[in-house]
N, C-alpha and C. Protein backbone atom coordinates (compact mmCIF):
# COMPACT_ATOMS: atom_id res chain seq x y z
N UNK A 1 -2.54 6.21 8.95
CA UNK A 1 -3.27 6.97 8.26
C UNK A 1 -2.93 5.96 6.59
N UNK A 2 -4.23 6.44 6.02
CA UNK A 2 -3.77 5.61 4.61
C UNK A 2 -3.53 7.43 3.51
N UNK A 3 -2.48 6.52 2.47
CA UNK A 3 -2.26 7.57 1.44
C UNK A 3 -2.72 6.88 -0.33
N UNK A 4 -3.56 7.65 -1.03
CA UNK A 4 -3.52 6.90 -2.06
C UNK A 4 -2.12 7.82 -2.96
N UNK A 5 -1.77 6.42 -3.51
CA UNK A 5 -0.21 6.94 -4.68
C UNK A 5 -1.04 6.93 -5.86
N UNK A 6 0.11 7.20 -6.62
CA UNK A 6 -0.08 6.68 -8.06
C UNK A 6 -0.82 5.28 -8.52
N UNK A 7 -0.66 4.59 -8.21
CA UNK A 7 -1.03 3.25 -8.06
C UNK A 7 -1.13 2.50 -7.41
N UNK A 8 -0.83 2.70 -5.49
CA UNK A 8 -0.56 2.20 -4.93
C UNK A 8 -1.73 2.57 -3.75
N UNK A 9 -2.65 1.86 -2.77
CA UNK A 9 -2.91 2.62 -1.63
C UNK A 9 -2.51 1.85 -0.49
N UNK A 10 -1.34 3.14 0.54
CA UNK A 10 -0.76 2.84 1.21
C UNK A 10 -1.39 2.95 2.36
N UNK A 11 -0.85 2.14 3.52
CA UNK A 11 -0.94 2.20 5.05
C UNK A 11 0.25 3.01 5.50
N UNK A 12 0.11 3.99 6.27
CA UNK A 12 1.53 4.29 6.79
C UNK A 12 1.39 4.53 8.17
N UNK A 13 2.10 5.21 8.76
CA UNK A 13 2.29 4.88 10.63
C UNK A 13 3.26 6.73 10.56
N UNK A 14 3.22 7.34 11.70
CA UNK A 14 4.30 8.12 12.06
C UNK A 14 4.24 7.98 13.70
N UNK A 15 5.54 7.17 13.83
CA UNK A 15 5.81 6.91 15.44
C UNK A 15 5.92 8.22 16.31
N UNK A 16 5.57 7.91 17.57
CA UNK A 16 5.77 9.20 18.17
C UNK A 16 7.49 9.77 18.46
N UNK A 17 7.74 11.28 18.89
CA UNK A 17 9.27 11.15 19.07
C UNK A 17 9.80 9.91 20.14
N UNK A 18 11.01 9.64 20.26
CA UNK A 18 11.56 9.15 21.10
C UNK A 18 11.09 7.49 21.10
N UNK A 19 10.17 7.10 20.25
CA UNK A 19 9.86 5.56 20.34
C UNK A 19 10.79 5.05 19.42
N UNK A 20 10.68 3.53 19.62
CA UNK A 20 11.65 3.00 18.89
C UNK A 20 10.80 2.53 17.33
N UNK A 21 11.26 3.24 16.38
CA UNK A 21 10.75 3.28 15.23
C UNK A 21 10.50 1.61 14.82
N UNK A 22 11.70 1.42 14.48
CA UNK A 22 11.54 -0.51 14.08
C UNK A 22 10.62 -0.73 14.73
N UNK A 23 10.82 -0.90 16.02
CA UNK A 23 9.86 -2.17 16.92
C UNK A 23 8.06 -1.81 16.73
N UNK A 24 7.80 -0.07 16.84
CA UNK A 24 7.03 -0.22 16.01
C UNK A 24 6.28 -0.12 14.50
N UNK A 25 7.13 0.23 14.00
CA UNK A 25 6.80 -0.19 12.70
C UNK A 25 6.16 -1.98 12.07
N UNK A 26 7.51 -2.57 13.15
CA UNK A 26 7.01 -4.15 12.91
C UNK A 26 5.68 -4.25 13.73
N UNK A 27 5.59 -4.17 14.68
CA UNK A 27 4.39 -4.17 15.67
C UNK A 27 3.07 -3.76 14.67
N UNK A 28 3.17 -2.27 13.82
CA UNK A 28 2.00 -2.05 13.58
C UNK A 28 2.08 -2.66 12.03
N UNK A 29 3.04 -3.45 11.39
CA UNK A 29 2.85 -4.04 10.32
C UNK A 29 2.43 -5.42 10.44
N UNK A 30 2.35 -6.01 11.52
CA UNK A 30 1.84 -7.51 11.99
C UNK A 30 0.78 -7.07 12.19
N UNK A 31 0.19 -6.33 12.77
CA UNK A 31 -1.00 -5.56 13.41
C UNK A 31 -2.07 -5.69 11.90
N UNK A 32 -1.51 -4.95 11.23
CA UNK A 32 -2.26 -4.29 9.83
C UNK A 32 -2.32 -5.68 9.00
N UNK A 33 -1.67 -6.24 8.93
CA UNK A 33 -1.53 -7.56 7.66
C UNK A 33 -2.14 -8.35 8.34
N UNK A 34 -2.60 -8.89 9.51
CA UNK A 34 -3.23 -9.80 10.16
C UNK A 34 -5.17 -9.05 9.99
N UNK A 35 -4.86 -7.90 9.99
CA UNK A 35 -6.67 -7.42 9.56
C UNK A 35 -6.61 -7.98 8.35
N UNK A 36 -5.89 -7.44 7.57
CA UNK A 36 -5.97 -7.58 5.91
C UNK A 36 -6.40 -8.95 5.54
N UNK A 37 -5.79 -9.80 6.15
CA UNK A 37 -6.11 -11.38 5.93
C UNK A 37 -7.30 -11.69 6.54
N UNK A 38 -7.73 -11.27 7.47
CA UNK A 38 -9.04 -11.75 8.60
C UNK A 38 -10.24 -10.77 7.27
N UNK A 39 -9.92 -9.58 6.71
CA UNK A 39 -11.08 -9.13 6.20
C UNK A 39 -10.87 -9.00 4.93
N UNK A 40 -9.90 -9.57 4.21
CA UNK A 40 -9.52 -9.91 2.96
C UNK A 40 -9.47 -8.40 2.20
N UNK A 41 -8.72 -7.98 2.76
CA UNK A 41 -8.09 -6.04 2.19
C UNK A 41 -7.26 -6.15 0.85
N UNK A 42 -6.34 -7.80 1.05
CA UNK A 42 -5.81 -8.04 -0.25
C UNK A 42 -4.40 -6.98 0.28
N UNK A 43 -3.93 -6.39 1.28
CA UNK A 43 -2.61 -5.73 1.58
C UNK A 43 -1.44 -6.70 2.15
N UNK A 44 -0.42 -6.08 1.42
CA UNK A 44 1.04 -6.68 1.05
C UNK A 44 2.21 -5.60 1.98
N UNK A 45 3.15 -6.54 2.39
CA UNK A 45 4.39 -5.60 3.05
C UNK A 45 5.16 -5.34 1.90
N UNK A 46 5.41 -3.78 2.36
CA UNK A 46 5.88 -3.05 0.62
C UNK A 46 7.16 -3.99 0.60
N UNK A 47 7.58 -3.71 -0.56
CA UNK A 47 8.82 -4.21 -1.19
C UNK A 47 10.39 -4.24 -0.12
N UNK A 48 10.62 -3.02 0.23
CA UNK A 48 11.08 -2.19 1.18
C UNK A 48 10.77 -1.28 2.03
N UNK A 49 11.53 -1.44 3.09
CA UNK A 49 10.82 -0.36 4.29
C UNK A 49 12.08 0.10 4.54
N UNK A 50 11.47 1.29 5.16
CA UNK A 50 12.57 2.31 5.59
C UNK A 50 12.15 2.62 7.04
N UNK A 51 13.33 3.24 7.82
CA UNK A 51 12.84 3.80 9.18
C UNK A 51 12.92 5.07 8.78
N UNK A 52 11.98 6.13 9.36
CA UNK A 52 11.64 7.48 9.19
C UNK A 52 10.65 8.30 9.97
N UNK A 53 10.43 9.47 10.03
CA UNK A 53 9.45 10.00 10.32
C UNK A 53 7.85 9.68 10.15
N UNK A 54 7.99 9.17 8.83
CA UNK A 54 6.74 8.34 8.16
C UNK A 54 7.40 7.36 7.64
N UNK A 55 6.52 6.36 7.94
CA UNK A 55 6.60 4.87 7.12
C UNK A 55 5.54 3.91 6.79
N UNK A 56 5.57 3.43 5.57
CA UNK A 56 4.75 2.94 5.00
C UNK A 56 4.93 1.38 5.44
N UNK A 57 3.70 1.04 6.05
CA UNK A 57 3.83 -0.26 6.70
C UNK A 57 2.98 -1.65 6.07
N UNK A 58 2.02 -1.05 4.94
CA UNK A 58 1.35 -2.25 3.96
C UNK A 58 0.92 -1.51 2.82
N UNK A 59 0.86 -2.13 1.69
CA UNK A 59 0.18 -1.56 0.59
C UNK A 59 -0.49 -2.30 -0.26
N UNK A 60 -1.43 -1.86 -0.86
CA UNK A 60 -2.12 -2.46 -2.25
C UNK A 60 -2.02 -1.86 -3.58
N UNK A 61 -1.37 -2.94 -4.14
CA UNK A 61 -1.41 -2.51 -5.84
C UNK A 61 -2.35 -2.21 -6.63
N UNK A 62 -3.24 -2.56 -6.14
CA UNK A 62 -4.54 -2.75 -7.21
C UNK A 62 -5.88 -2.33 -7.00
N UNK A 63 -6.47 -1.19 -6.32
CA UNK A 63 -7.33 -1.01 -5.74
C UNK A 63 -7.64 0.18 -6.57
N UNK A 64 -7.52 0.76 -7.90
CA UNK A 64 -8.47 1.18 -8.72
C UNK A 64 -8.78 0.61 -9.67
N UNK A 65 -10.31 0.27 -9.95
CA UNK A 65 -11.07 -0.78 -10.47
C UNK A 65 -11.08 0.17 -11.63
N UNK A 66 -11.40 -0.56 -12.74
CA UNK A 66 -11.33 -0.38 -14.16
C UNK A 66 -12.57 -0.92 -14.82
N UNK A 67 -12.94 -0.03 -15.54
CA UNK A 67 -14.22 -0.59 -16.46
C UNK A 67 -13.61 -1.75 -17.72
N UNK A 68 -14.26 -1.79 -18.71
CA UNK A 68 -13.65 -3.20 -19.43
C UNK A 68 -13.27 -2.83 -20.81
N UNK A 69 -13.39 -0.80 -20.83
CA UNK A 69 -12.41 -0.34 -21.92
C UNK A 69 -10.99 0.01 -21.26
N UNK A 70 -10.86 0.29 -19.80
CA UNK A 70 -9.52 0.14 -19.43
C UNK A 70 -9.79 1.44 -18.78
N UNK A 71 -11.10 2.52 -18.27
CA UNK A 71 -11.00 3.91 -18.10
C UNK A 71 -11.48 3.44 -16.35
N UNK A 72 -10.90 3.78 -15.57
CA UNK A 72 -10.94 4.10 -14.15
C UNK A 72 -12.74 3.80 -13.92
N UNK A 73 -13.21 2.88 -13.22
CA UNK A 73 -14.33 3.04 -13.01
C UNK A 73 -14.59 3.72 -11.23
N UNK A 74 -14.84 5.03 -11.12
CA UNK A 74 -14.90 5.64 -10.30
C UNK A 74 -15.72 5.11 -8.98
N UNK A 75 -16.74 4.86 -9.39
CA UNK A 75 -17.57 4.19 -8.28
C UNK A 75 -17.10 2.87 -7.54
N UNK A 76 -16.75 2.04 -8.52
CA UNK A 76 -16.51 0.91 -8.33
C UNK A 76 -14.84 0.84 -7.12
N UNK A 77 -14.33 1.82 -7.22
CA UNK A 77 -13.31 2.27 -6.86
C UNK A 77 -13.48 2.52 -5.27
N UNK A 78 -14.52 3.57 -5.21
CA UNK A 78 -14.81 4.60 -4.24
C UNK A 78 -15.45 3.16 -3.38
N UNK A 79 -16.02 2.50 -3.55
CA UNK A 79 -16.50 1.67 -2.68
C UNK A 79 -15.80 0.09 -2.47
N UNK A 80 -15.31 0.02 -3.12
CA UNK A 80 -13.44 -0.86 -2.75
C UNK A 80 -12.91 -0.12 -1.41
N UNK A 81 -12.59 1.61 -1.83
CA UNK A 81 -12.17 1.88 -0.61
C UNK A 81 -12.54 2.17 0.87
N UNK A 82 -14.30 2.11 0.63
CA UNK A 82 -15.13 1.98 2.01
C UNK A 82 -14.63 1.12 2.43
């Protein structure tokens, strides 16, 4: 699933109970980053990855689009997220 945070657009996964979380994370991260490269989505591996119920597998730091005066350009930001 996608989650918008203050400065980051995050791609997160929530593995099923009993699954090997590290291998699920590794495979999902590889697939997401490959698709990101194919489609120019500019997603990157997070600086740190941790094992847990919910894990961030990719992120984009520049998803918020700004106007020339520094205010948020809502329309461009929403278009980018589509």
